[in-house]
Amino acid sequence: MAKIKAIRGMNDILPEQSPVWQYLENTVKDVLSAYGYSELRMPIVEQTSLFKRSIGEVTDIVEKEMYTFEDRNGDSLTLRPEGTASCVRAAEEHGLLFNQMQRFWYQGPMFRYERPQKGRYRQFHQIGVETFGMANADIDAEVILLSARLWKHLGLLDSVTLQLNSLGSNEARADYKAALVEYLSARKDQLDEDSLRRLDSNPLRILDSKDPDTQVVLNDAPVLSDYLDEESRSHFSELTSILDAAGISYEINPRLVRGLDYYCKTVFEWVTDKLGAQGTVCAGGRYDGLVQQLGGRATPAVGFAMGVERLILLLEILDLIPDKVKLPFDLYLSAEVKGMQSEVVLLADRLRDQIPGLRVRIHCGGLKNIKQKAQQSGAPVVLLVKQSENRTLCGTIWHQDEPAFDLSEAQMVEKITDCYSA
């Protein structure tokens, strides 16, 4: 009988990989806590209509990529392809939005059916930030500054670039879309197949085309900034002024539109040239109309999402994962002679009490291959325990390249504390 394997593009996170995920997640949590954001946890499955109404029925996600199925009641359900719509649904359903200012964050798997490749999978993980009830550019600046602080904590700030644009109001964007369609319709013979398909359904996405011939056509296309309303211009100017004052570098990218229908005014992406084609590690913007679009009252909103797999890949490529994160244990502990296993188990718990955060693995199953198992564990400190002549515990300790030496129990605790603190 053939072995059952994981679904293509849906990957296991193995024990040797999970510490890196935990490091990234914990760093994100620390930064979000510093800004006063609260975690919101949403279900993985939602009604299909939620995503059709929010993302847009003619987008690639809804047309080709969603995992949609009928349950036993005949209801159409979908594995969430992104988190913003679910966050809005949850906040609106529980009365957290009207006349309130909210700052949320969430994390978890998303699902899209597309060709798996490095940095892009069918089950992928995102950490998202969403804010509601604040219409001015100061909150746009806050979410960007928050992300910049995260890059600084991770050591990535010099390896990512912030790109900005403004989509303007819905009315301004509609005027621009009409001008763009008129321009491109006269040049259909020069467009790639994807762009031709998008011309009637989602023409702004053509600006993001990677086809070189289409890019040549776009060089003389109408520019979105020429169609911006005065309020959007003022909003964008205030945003860039705050970023300038904060010392955040950015590039204005007039072709940055984002792939979802609900964005307006500010849009931004953090991109890198270290990951090849999958260069966007964080993206977001303002979506003031989405809450009303999903049945709530008009509520200004802005947020972003970052791809966990891509960020981890970037950290690995740049060798920015701290050595301590790569070590699964701080101490490998074993009896040196028979009959002492109970003392070893109790000593391990005393060490955990006296050195909070210490990660101890006990050698179980007899005394065979102790040094080999200790080496395989990756723990930087190894302690072999025995009894002294006066029947108190003592031990032999190794720490990396240092010579082994014998210690009393009190000296063990002192030495291990020093090693752990270092």
Protein backbone atom coordinates (compact mmCIF):
# COMPACT_ATOMS: atom_id res chain seq x y z
CA MET A 1 0.00 0.00 0.00
CA ALA A 2 1.40 3.41 -0.99
CA LYS A 3 2.22 5.84 1.79
CA ILE A 4 -0.01 8.87 2.17
CA LYS A 5 1.90 12.11 1.59
CA ALA A 6 1.12 15.75 2.26
CA ILE A 7 -0.83 17.64 -0.39
CA ARG A 8 1.43 19.39 -2.89
CA GLY A 9 2.13 22.92 -1.76
CA MET A 10 1.02 22.23 1.83
CA ASN A 11 4.11 21.61 3.88
CA ASP A 12 4.95 20.22 7.29
CA ILE A 13 6.98 22.42 9.63
CA LEU A 14 9.45 20.01 11.16
CA PRO A 15 10.89 20.19 14.70
CA GLU A 16 14.22 21.56 13.48
CA GLN A 17 12.37 24.34 11.61
CA SER A 18 9.84 25.37 14.25
CA PRO A 19 12.30 27.31 16.49
CA VAL A 20 12.88 29.75 13.63
CA TRP A 21 9.12 30.20 13.21
CA GLN A 22 8.79 30.78 16.95
CA TYR A 23 11.61 33.32 16.86
CA LEU A 24 9.90 35.30 14.11
CA GLU A 25 6.46 35.05 15.71
CA ASN A 26 7.75 36.09 19.13
CA THR A 27 9.63 39.05 17.65
CA VAL A 28 6.46 40.17 15.87
CA LYS A 29 4.43 39.81 19.08
CA ASP A 30 6.93 41.95 21.01
CA VAL A 31 6.76 44.74 18.42
CA LEU A 32 2.96 44.63 18.19
CA SER A 33 2.71 44.71 21.98
CA ALA A 34 4.85 47.85 22.02
CA TYR A 35 2.26 49.53 19.77
CA GLY A 36 -0.77 48.34 21.75
CA TYR A 37 -2.27 45.91 19.22
CA SER A 38 -4.61 43.10 20.35
CA GLU A 39 -4.68 39.60 18.86
CA LEU A 40 -7.80 38.39 17.05
CA ARG A 41 -8.17 34.72 16.08
CA MET A 42 -10.55 33.89 13.23
CA PRO A 43 -11.77 30.55 11.80
CA ILE A 44 -10.01 29.09 8.78
CA VAL A 45 -13.29 28.44 6.93
CA GLU A 46 -15.71 31.25 6.01
CA GLN A 47 -18.76 31.65 3.80
CA THR A 48 -17.66 31.96 0.18
CA SER A 49 -19.69 35.14 -0.27
CA LEU A 50 -17.41 36.94 2.22
CA PHE A 51 -14.47 36.72 -0.17
CA LYS A 52 -16.48 37.27 -3.33
CA ARG A 53 -17.87 40.50 -1.91
CA SER A 54 -14.58 41.75 -0.47
CA ILE A 55 -11.90 40.59 -2.91
CA GLY A 56 -14.02 40.96 -6.05
CA GLU A 57 -15.52 38.21 -8.20
CA VAL A 58 -13.28 38.99 -11.20
CA THR A 59 -9.97 38.83 -9.36
CA ASP A 60 -7.56 35.93 -9.91
CA ILE A 61 -8.06 34.79 -6.31
CA VAL A 62 -11.81 34.32 -6.63
CA GLU A 63 -11.78 33.11 -10.23
CA LYS A 64 -8.96 30.57 -10.01
CA GLU A 65 -7.32 30.22 -6.60
CA MET A 66 -9.88 29.72 -3.83
CA TYR A 67 -10.46 26.35 -2.15
CA THR A 68 -14.28 26.31 -2.23
CA PHE A 69 -16.62 23.44 -1.39
CA GLU A 70 -20.19 22.70 -0.30
CA ASP A 71 -20.82 21.33 3.18
CA ARG A 72 -23.55 18.81 4.04
CA ASN A 73 -26.16 21.57 4.18
CA GLY A 74 -25.28 22.70 0.68
CA ASP A 75 -23.68 25.93 1.92
CA SER A 76 -20.71 27.19 -0.08
CA LEU A 77 -17.64 27.50 2.17
CA THR A 78 -14.08 28.59 1.42
CA LEU A 79 -10.73 28.14 3.11
CA ARG A 80 -9.68 31.73 3.73
CA PRO A 81 -7.33 33.04 0.99
CA GLU A 82 -6.46 36.17 2.99
CA GLY A 83 -7.12 37.59 6.45
CA THR A 84 -8.50 41.11 6.07
CA ALA A 85 -12.03 40.11 5.07
CA SER A 86 -12.22 37.59 7.93
CA CYS A 87 -10.98 40.22 10.38
CA VAL A 88 -13.62 42.71 9.21
CA ARG A 89 -16.33 40.06 9.41
CA ALA A 90 -15.34 39.06 12.96
CA ALA A 91 -15.03 42.63 14.24
CA GLU A 92 -18.34 43.70 12.69
CA GLU A 93 -20.18 40.59 13.88
CA HIS A 94 -19.10 41.21 17.49
CA GLY A 95 -19.82 44.95 17.51
CA LEU A 96 -16.21 46.11 17.67
CA LEU A 97 -16.23 48.71 14.89
CA PHE A 98 -18.96 51.39 14.88
CA ASN A 99 -17.75 54.61 16.56
CA GLN A 100 -14.70 52.77 17.90
CA MET A 101 -10.98 52.83 17.23
CA GLN A 102 -9.43 49.37 17.07
CA ARG A 103 -5.98 47.92 16.46
CA PHE A 104 -5.91 44.16 15.78
CA TRP A 105 -3.41 41.59 14.63
CA TYR A 106 -3.78 37.95 13.64
CA GLN A 107 -1.70 35.06 12.38
CA GLY A 108 -2.37 31.72 10.72
CA PRO A 109 -2.60 29.75 7.49
CA MET A 110 -4.18 31.01 4.27
CA PHE A 111 -5.02 28.89 1.22
CA ARG A 112 -4.75 29.55 -2.51
CA TYR A 113 -4.58 27.06 -5.35
CA GLU A 114 -1.60 28.13 -7.44
CA ARG A 115 1.60 26.59 -8.73
CA PRO A 116 3.83 25.92 -5.70
CA GLN A 117 7.29 27.44 -5.80
CA LYS A 118 9.90 28.55 -3.30
CA GLY A 119 8.35 31.22 -1.10
CA ARG A 120 4.83 30.64 -2.48
CA TYR A 121 2.71 27.70 -1.38
CA ARG A 122 -0.91 26.55 -1.47
CA GLN A 123 -1.06 26.67 2.31
CA PHE A 124 0.95 29.66 3.41
CA HIS A 125 1.10 31.63 6.64
CA GLN A 126 0.52 35.31 7.21
CA ILE A 127 0.73 37.73 10.10
CA GLY A 128 -1.64 40.62 9.58
CA VAL A 129 -2.34 43.98 11.18
CA GLU A 130 -5.68 45.78 10.78
CA THR A 131 -6.80 49.12 12.26
CA PHE A 132 -10.29 50.64 12.22
CA GLY A 133 -11.97 53.96 12.95
CA MET A 134 -9.04 56.28 12.12
CA ALA A 135 -9.20 58.27 8.88
CA ASN A 136 -6.08 60.43 9.03
CA ALA A 137 -2.63 59.67 7.66
CA ASP A 138 -1.10 59.31 11.12
CA ILE A 139 -2.41 55.74 11.43
CA ASP A 140 -1.11 54.93 7.92
CA ALA A 141 2.27 56.14 9.16
CA GLU A 142 1.99 54.10 12.37
CA VAL A 143 1.49 50.78 10.61
CA ILE A 144 4.43 51.52 8.31
CA LEU A 145 6.64 52.58 11.23
CA LEU A 146 5.56 49.43 13.07
CA SER A 147 6.70 47.27 10.16
CA ALA A 148 9.97 49.20 9.90
CA ARG A 149 10.64 48.58 13.59
CA LEU A 150 10.07 44.88 13.03
CA TRP A 151 12.64 44.85 10.19
CA LYS A 152 15.08 46.62 12.49
CA HIS A 153 14.59 44.02 15.25
CA LEU A 154 15.10 41.21 12.73
CA GLY A 155 18.13 42.84 11.12
CA LEU A 156 16.31 43.23 7.78
CA LEU A 157 15.95 46.99 7.48
CA ASP A 158 18.87 47.37 5.05
CA SER A 159 17.58 44.50 2.88
CA VAL A 160 14.04 45.74 2.21
CA THR A 161 12.71 48.80 0.41
CA LEU A 162 9.44 50.59 1.09
CA GLN A 163 7.36 51.40 -1.99
CA LEU A 164 4.41 53.80 -1.72
CA ASN A 165 1.54 54.96 -3.87
CA SER A 166 -1.91 56.51 -3.53
CA LEU A 167 -4.94 55.07 -5.32
CA GLY A 168 -7.09 58.07 -4.44
CA SER A 169 -10.82 57.96 -3.78
CA ASN A 170 -13.15 55.45 -5.42
CA GLU A 171 -14.33 58.17 -7.80
CA ALA A 172 -10.79 59.22 -8.76
CA ARG A 173 -9.77 55.61 -9.29
CA ALA A 174 -12.83 55.02 -11.50
CA ASP A 175 -11.88 58.02 -13.68
CA TYR A 176 -8.32 56.74 -13.96
CA LYS A 177 -9.49 53.21 -14.74
CA ALA A 178 -11.61 54.53 -17.63
CA ALA A 179 -8.63 56.47 -19.04
CA LEU A 180 -6.33 53.45 -18.68
CA VAL A 181 -8.81 51.11 -20.41
CA GLU A 182 -9.22 53.57 -23.29
CA TYR A 183 -5.42 53.81 -23.70
CA LEU A 184 -4.80 50.03 -23.53
CA SER A 185 -7.79 49.10 -25.71
CA ALA A 186 -6.14 50.94 -28.58
CA ARG A 187 -3.03 48.78 -28.10
CA LYS A 188 -4.49 45.31 -27.52
CA ASP A 189 -2.17 43.73 -30.06
CA GLN A 190 0.80 44.67 -27.84
CA LEU A 191 -0.55 43.20 -24.59
CA ASP A 192 0.20 39.77 -23.11
CA GLU A 193 -2.56 37.20 -22.60
CA ASP A 194 -3.07 37.91 -18.87
CA SER A 195 -3.33 41.64 -19.50
CA LEU A 196 -5.91 41.11 -22.24
CA ARG A 197 -7.99 39.04 -19.84
CA ARG A 198 -7.72 41.71 -17.15
CA LEU A 199 -8.56 44.61 -19.47
CA ASP A 200 -12.31 44.20 -18.95
CA SER A 201 -12.29 42.70 -15.45
CA ASN A 202 -9.43 44.22 -13.42
CA PRO A 203 -7.45 46.68 -15.58
CA LEU A 204 -5.41 48.22 -12.75
CA ARG A 205 -3.67 44.88 -12.28
CA ILE A 206 -2.15 45.31 -15.75
CA LEU A 207 0.12 47.96 -14.19
CA ASP A 208 1.70 45.11 -12.23
CA SER A 209 2.37 42.97 -15.31
CA LYS A 210 5.80 41.34 -15.49
CA ASP A 211 5.62 40.96 -19.27
CA PRO A 212 8.37 43.16 -20.81
CA ASP A 213 6.33 44.08 -23.91
CA THR A 214 3.40 45.16 -21.77
CA GLN A 215 5.74 47.20 -19.60
CA VAL A 216 6.88 49.07 -22.73
CA VAL A 217 3.25 49.88 -23.56
CA LEU A 218 2.69 51.12 -20.00
CA ASN A 219 5.55 53.61 -20.23
CA ASP A 220 3.25 56.10 -21.99
CA ALA A 221 0.04 55.12 -20.21
CA PRO A 222 -1.96 57.61 -18.12
CA VAL A 223 -0.51 58.06 -14.62
CA LEU A 224 -2.72 57.51 -11.58
CA SER A 225 -1.30 60.50 -9.71
CA ASP A 226 -2.75 62.83 -12.37
CA TYR A 227 -6.27 61.71 -11.41
CA LEU A 228 -6.01 61.98 -7.61
CA ASP A 229 -8.58 64.07 -5.76
CA GLU A 230 -7.34 66.86 -3.50
CA GLU A 231 -8.16 65.02 -0.27
CA SER A 232 -6.09 62.01 -1.35
CA ARG A 233 -3.19 64.25 -2.35
CA SER A 234 -3.26 65.94 1.05
CA HIS A 235 -3.51 62.58 2.83
CA PHE A 236 -0.52 61.21 0.94
CA SER A 237 1.50 64.37 1.54
CA GLU A 238 0.87 64.13 5.29
CA LEU A 239 1.93 60.48 5.26
CA THR A 240 5.21 61.15 3.46
CA SER A 241 5.92 64.10 5.78
CA ILE A 242 5.64 61.84 8.83
CA LEU A 243 7.84 59.19 7.23
CA ASP A 244 10.42 61.84 6.32
CA ALA A 245 10.46 63.11 9.89
CA ALA A 246 10.89 59.55 11.17
CA GLY A 247 13.82 58.93 8.83
CA ILE A 248 12.04 56.17 6.89
CA SER A 249 13.29 55.89 3.30
CA TYR A 250 10.76 55.09 0.58
CA GLU A 251 10.19 55.06 -3.15
CA ILE A 252 7.08 56.35 -4.92
CA ASN A 253 5.92 53.60 -7.27
CA PRO A 254 3.11 54.93 -9.52
CA ARG A 255 2.33 51.39 -10.74
CA LEU A 256 1.77 49.95 -7.29
CA VAL A 257 -1.94 49.13 -7.10
CA ARG A 258 -2.23 45.92 -4.97
CA GLY A 259 -4.26 42.97 -6.22
CA LEU A 260 -7.51 43.31 -4.26
CA ASP A 261 -10.51 45.47 -5.08
CA TYR A 262 -10.99 47.01 -1.64
CA TYR A 263 -7.92 49.29 -1.44
CA CYS A 264 -8.11 53.11 -1.66
CA LYS A 265 -5.72 56.00 -0.96
CA THR A 266 -2.49 54.68 0.60
CA VAL A 267 -1.00 51.42 -0.66
CA PHE A 268 2.49 50.16 0.19
CA GLU A 269 4.82 47.21 -0.13
CA TRP A 270 8.10 46.24 1.47
CA VAL A 271 10.14 44.51 -1.26
CA THR A 272 13.55 42.86 -1.43
CA ASP A 273 15.88 41.83 -4.24
CA LYS A 274 17.16 38.83 -2.25
CA LEU A 275 14.31 36.41 -3.08
CA GLY A 276 14.15 36.49 -6.86
CA ALA A 277 10.64 36.77 -8.30
CA GLN A 278 8.96 36.53 -4.88
CA GLY A 279 10.24 39.91 -3.74
CA THR A 280 7.31 41.26 -1.69
CA VAL A 281 7.53 40.36 2.01
CA CYS A 282 4.87 42.71 3.39
CA ALA A 283 2.05 44.63 1.72
CA GLY A 284 -1.01 46.62 2.66
CA GLY A 285 -2.80 49.91 2.57
CA ARG A 286 -6.06 51.70 3.27
CA TYR A 287 -9.50 50.16 2.62
CA ASP A 288 -12.06 52.67 3.88
CA GLY A 289 -14.99 51.13 1.98
CA LEU A 290 -14.65 47.47 2.92
CA VAL A 291 -16.63 47.45 6.17
CA GLN A 292 -19.62 49.07 4.46
CA GLN A 293 -19.18 46.72 1.49
CA LEU A 294 -19.57 43.79 3.90
CA GLY A 295 -22.74 45.16 5.50
CA GLY A 296 -21.41 47.44 8.25
CA ARG A 297 -21.38 51.20 8.58
CA ALA A 298 -18.74 53.26 6.79
CA THR A 299 -15.49 52.79 8.74
CA PRO A 300 -12.00 53.98 7.79
CA ALA A 301 -9.41 51.20 7.94
CA VAL A 302 -5.77 50.48 7.12
CA GLY A 303 -3.57 47.41 7.57
CA PHE A 304 -1.03 45.03 6.09
CA ALA A 305 -0.06 41.37 5.91
CA MET A 306 3.37 39.75 5.80
CA GLY A 307 4.27 36.33 4.46
CA VAL A 308 5.89 34.19 7.15
CA GLU A 309 7.51 31.69 4.76
CA ARG A 310 9.12 34.47 2.72
CA LEU A 311 10.41 36.27 5.81
CA ILE A 312 11.94 33.07 7.17
CA LEU A 313 13.52 32.37 3.79
CA LEU A 314 14.95 35.90 3.78
CA LEU A 315 16.34 35.49 7.30
CA GLU A 316 17.98 32.22 6.28
CA ILE A 317 19.48 33.63 3.07
CA LEU A 318 20.95 36.59 4.95
CA ASP A 319 22.08 34.39 7.88
CA LEU A 320 20.18 36.54 10.38
CA ILE A 321 18.86 33.79 12.63
CA PRO A 322 20.58 34.04 16.05
CA ASP A 323 22.67 31.02 17.01
CA LYS A 324 20.64 30.51 20.18
CA VAL A 325 17.49 30.06 18.10
CA LYS A 326 19.12 27.25 16.14
CA LEU A 327 19.86 25.32 19.34
CA PRO A 328 16.90 23.18 20.45
CA PHE A 329 18.24 22.72 24.01
CA ASP A 330 20.51 24.56 26.43
CA LEU A 331 21.51 21.52 28.49
CA TYR A 332 21.76 17.77 27.94
CA LEU A 333 21.55 15.95 31.28
CA SER A 334 22.33 12.32 32.04
CA ALA A 335 23.27 9.99 34.87
CA GLU A 336 26.87 8.83 34.69
CA VAL A 337 26.22 5.60 36.61
CA LYS A 338 23.28 3.22 36.98
CA GLY A 339 20.58 3.69 39.61
CA MET A 340 20.47 7.50 39.49
CA GLN A 341 17.76 8.20 36.94
CA SER A 342 15.26 9.46 39.52
CA GLU A 343 17.86 11.91 40.89
CA VAL A 344 18.51 13.15 37.33
CA VAL A 345 14.81 13.74 36.68
CA LEU A 346 14.43 15.70 39.94
CA LEU A 347 17.65 17.65 39.31
CA ALA A 348 16.36 18.67 35.88
CA ASP A 349 13.22 20.13 37.44
CA ARG A 350 15.24 21.95 40.12
CA LEU A 351 17.39 23.48 37.40
CA ARG A 352 14.26 24.60 35.51
CA ASP A 353 12.98 26.21 38.73
CA GLN A 354 16.26 27.98 39.49
CA ILE A 355 17.02 29.09 35.90
CA PRO A 356 13.73 30.23 34.30
CA GLY A 357 13.66 29.56 30.57
CA LEU A 358 16.34 26.87 30.67
CA ARG A 359 15.67 24.10 28.13
CA VAL A 360 16.81 20.71 29.44
CA ARG A 361 16.76 17.35 27.70
CA ILE A 362 17.26 14.26 29.85
CA HIS A 363 19.01 11.17 28.52
CA CYS A 364 16.46 8.38 28.88
CA GLY A 365 16.50 4.66 28.11
CA GLY A 366 19.70 3.53 29.79
CA LEU A 367 23.30 4.73 29.74
CA LYS A 368 24.28 3.67 26.22
CA ASN A 369 25.70 6.20 23.73
CA ILE A 370 25.40 9.15 26.13
CA LYS A 371 28.07 11.30 24.48
CA GLN A 372 26.82 10.48 20.99
CA LYS A 373 23.22 11.38 21.91
CA ALA A 374 24.40 14.53 23.66
CA GLN A 375 26.28 15.61 20.56
CA GLN A 376 23.30 14.85 18.32
CA SER A 377 21.03 16.96 20.55
CA GLY A 378 22.94 20.13 19.68
CA ALA A 379 22.92 21.30 23.30
CA PRO A 380 25.96 23.51 24.07
CA VAL A 381 26.22 22.23 27.66
CA VAL A 382 26.36 18.57 28.73
CA LEU A 383 26.15 17.45 32.37
CA LEU A 384 26.81 13.89 33.61
CA VAL A 385 25.58 13.39 37.18
CA LYS A 386 26.89 11.00 39.86
CA GLN A 387 27.14 10.87 43.66
CA SER A 388 30.10 12.16 45.64
CA GLU A 389 31.67 10.25 48.52
CA ASN A 390 29.34 11.91 51.03
CA ARG A 391 26.34 10.90 48.84
CA THR A 392 25.58 14.39 47.53
CA LEU A 393 25.09 15.05 43.84
CA CYS A 394 28.03 16.14 41.75
CA GLY A 395 28.68 16.11 38.05
CA THR A 396 31.03 16.43 35.12
CA ILE A 397 30.21 19.28 32.76
CA TRP A 398 31.22 20.11 29.19
CA HIS A 399 30.60 23.50 27.64
CA GLN A 400 31.41 23.78 23.94
CA ASP A 401 35.22 23.68 23.55
CA GLU A 402 36.03 24.06 27.24
CA PRO A 403 37.72 21.13 29.05
CA ALA A 404 35.46 18.92 31.18
CA PHE A 405 35.61 19.40 34.94
CA ASP A 406 33.82 18.17 38.07
CA LEU A 407 31.40 20.34 40.08
CA SER A 408 29.23 20.18 43.17
CA GLU A 409 25.49 20.71 42.69
CA ALA A 410 25.73 24.37 43.73
CA GLN A 411 28.61 24.86 41.30
CA MET A 412 26.60 23.11 38.57
CA VAL A 413 23.78 25.60 38.95
CA GLU A 414 26.21 28.54 38.92
CA LYS A 415 28.03 27.27 35.83
CA ILE A 416 24.85 26.45 33.91
CA THR A 417 23.40 29.87 34.82
CA ASP A 418 26.53 31.56 33.46
CA CYS A 419 26.38 29.53 30.24
CA TYR A 420 22.65 30.19 29.78
CA SER A 421 23.00 33.93 30.40
CA ALA A 422 25.84 34.15 27.89
